[in-house]
C-alpha atoms as a PDB file:
ATOM      1  CA  MET A   1      93.130  84.398 121.026  1.00  0.00           C
ATOM      2  CA  GLU A   2      91.150  81.676 119.294  1.00  0.00           C
ATOM      3  CA  ASN A   3      88.446  84.076 118.117  1.00  0.00           C
ATOM      4  CA  GLN A   4      90.900  86.533 116.615  1.00  0.00           C
ATOM      5  CA  LYS A   5      89.704  88.113 113.361  1.00  0.00           C
ATOM      6  CA  LEU A   6      91.864  89.964 110.840  1.00  0.00           C
ATOM      7  CA  ALA A   7      90.695  93.378 109.675  1.00  0.00           C
ATOM      8  CA  ASP A   8      90.111  93.767 105.963  1.00  0.00           C
ATOM      9  CA  ASP A   9      92.241  96.232 104.003  1.00  0.00           C
ATOM     10  CA  SER A  10      89.665  99.052 104.233  1.00  0.00           C
ATOM     11  CA  GLN A  11      89.925  99.002 108.061  1.00  0.00           C
ATOM     12  CA  ARG A  12      93.715  98.910 108.272  1.00  0.00           C
ATOM     13  CA  GLN A  13      96.112 101.832 108.593  1.00  0.00           C
ATOM     14  CA  ARG A  14      99.834 102.155 108.071  1.00  0.00           C
ATOM     15  CA  CYS A  15     102.020 101.701 111.158  1.00  0.00           C
ATOM     16  CA  GLU A  16     104.690 104.355 111.723  1.00  0.00           C
ATOM     17  CA  VAL A  17     108.090 102.880 112.600  1.00  0.00           C
ATOM     18  CA  TRP A  18     110.462 104.834 114.843  1.00  0.00           C
ATOM     19  CA  THR A  19     114.118 104.080 115.499  1.00  0.00           C
ATOM     20  CA  ARG A  20     116.895 105.517 117.633  1.00  0.00           C
ATOM     21  CA  VAL A  21     119.561 107.370 115.657  1.00  0.00           C
ATOM     22  CA  MET A  22     122.519 109.130 117.255  1.00  0.00           C
ATOM     23  CA  GLY A  23     120.870 109.148 120.679  1.00  0.00           C
ATOM     24  CA  TYR A  24     117.393 110.367 119.753  1.00  0.00           C
ATOM     25  CA  HIS A  25     114.259 108.813 118.224  1.00  0.00           C
ATOM     26  CA  ARG A  26     113.003 109.624 114.711  1.00  0.00           C
ATOM     27  CA  PRO A  27     110.340 108.161 112.426  1.00  0.00           C
ATOM     28  CA  VAL A  28     111.846 106.117 109.605  1.00  0.00           C
ATOM     29  CA  SER A  29     109.502 107.892 107.166  1.00  0.00           C
ATOM     30  CA  ALA A  30     111.447 111.134 107.833  1.00  0.00           C
ATOM     31  CA  PHE A  31     114.743 109.577 106.663  1.00  0.00           C
ATOM     32  CA  ASN A  32     116.167 110.376 103.240  1.00  0.00           C
ATOM     33  CA  LYS A  33     116.267 107.548 100.639  1.00  0.00           C
ATOM     34  CA  GLY A  34     119.816 106.504 101.539  1.00  0.00           C
ATOM     35  CA  LYS A  35     119.104 106.280 105.262  1.00  0.00           C
ATOM     36  CA  GLN A  36     115.839 104.369 104.614  1.00  0.00           C
ATOM     37  CA  SER A  37     117.797 101.866 102.515  1.00  0.00           C
ATOM     38  CA  GLU A  38     120.380 101.509 105.288  1.00  0.00           C
ATOM     39  CA  HIS A  39     117.592 100.913 107.829  1.00  0.00           C
ATOM     40  CA  ARG A  40     116.085  98.103 105.693  1.00  0.00           C
ATOM     41  CA  GLU A  41     119.493  96.369 105.567  1.00  0.00           C
ATOM     42  CA  ARG A  42     119.957  96.358 109.358  1.00  0.00           C
ATOM     43  CA  THR A  43     119.753  93.123 111.309  1.00  0.00           C
ATOM     44  CA  HIS A  44     116.817  93.276 113.710  1.00  0.00           C
ATOM     45  CA  PHE A  45     116.771  91.206 116.885  1.00  0.00           C
ATOM     46  CA  ARG A  46     114.484  90.606 119.829  1.00  0.00           C
ATOM     47  CA  GLU A  47     115.709  90.668 123.426  1.00  0.00           C
ATOM     48  CA  ARG A  48     114.673  87.847 125.738  1.00  0.00           C
END
């Protein structure tokens, strides 16, 4: 990973984030404004 090069902004694209809500998966972009705000306030963690 020493020769890793970052792409410039013209080569990048937005990443779609999905989350599990009430037992099924949905894209966060499909949430209403209130649910998107709630998602931003959640504590995220990484399993080991």
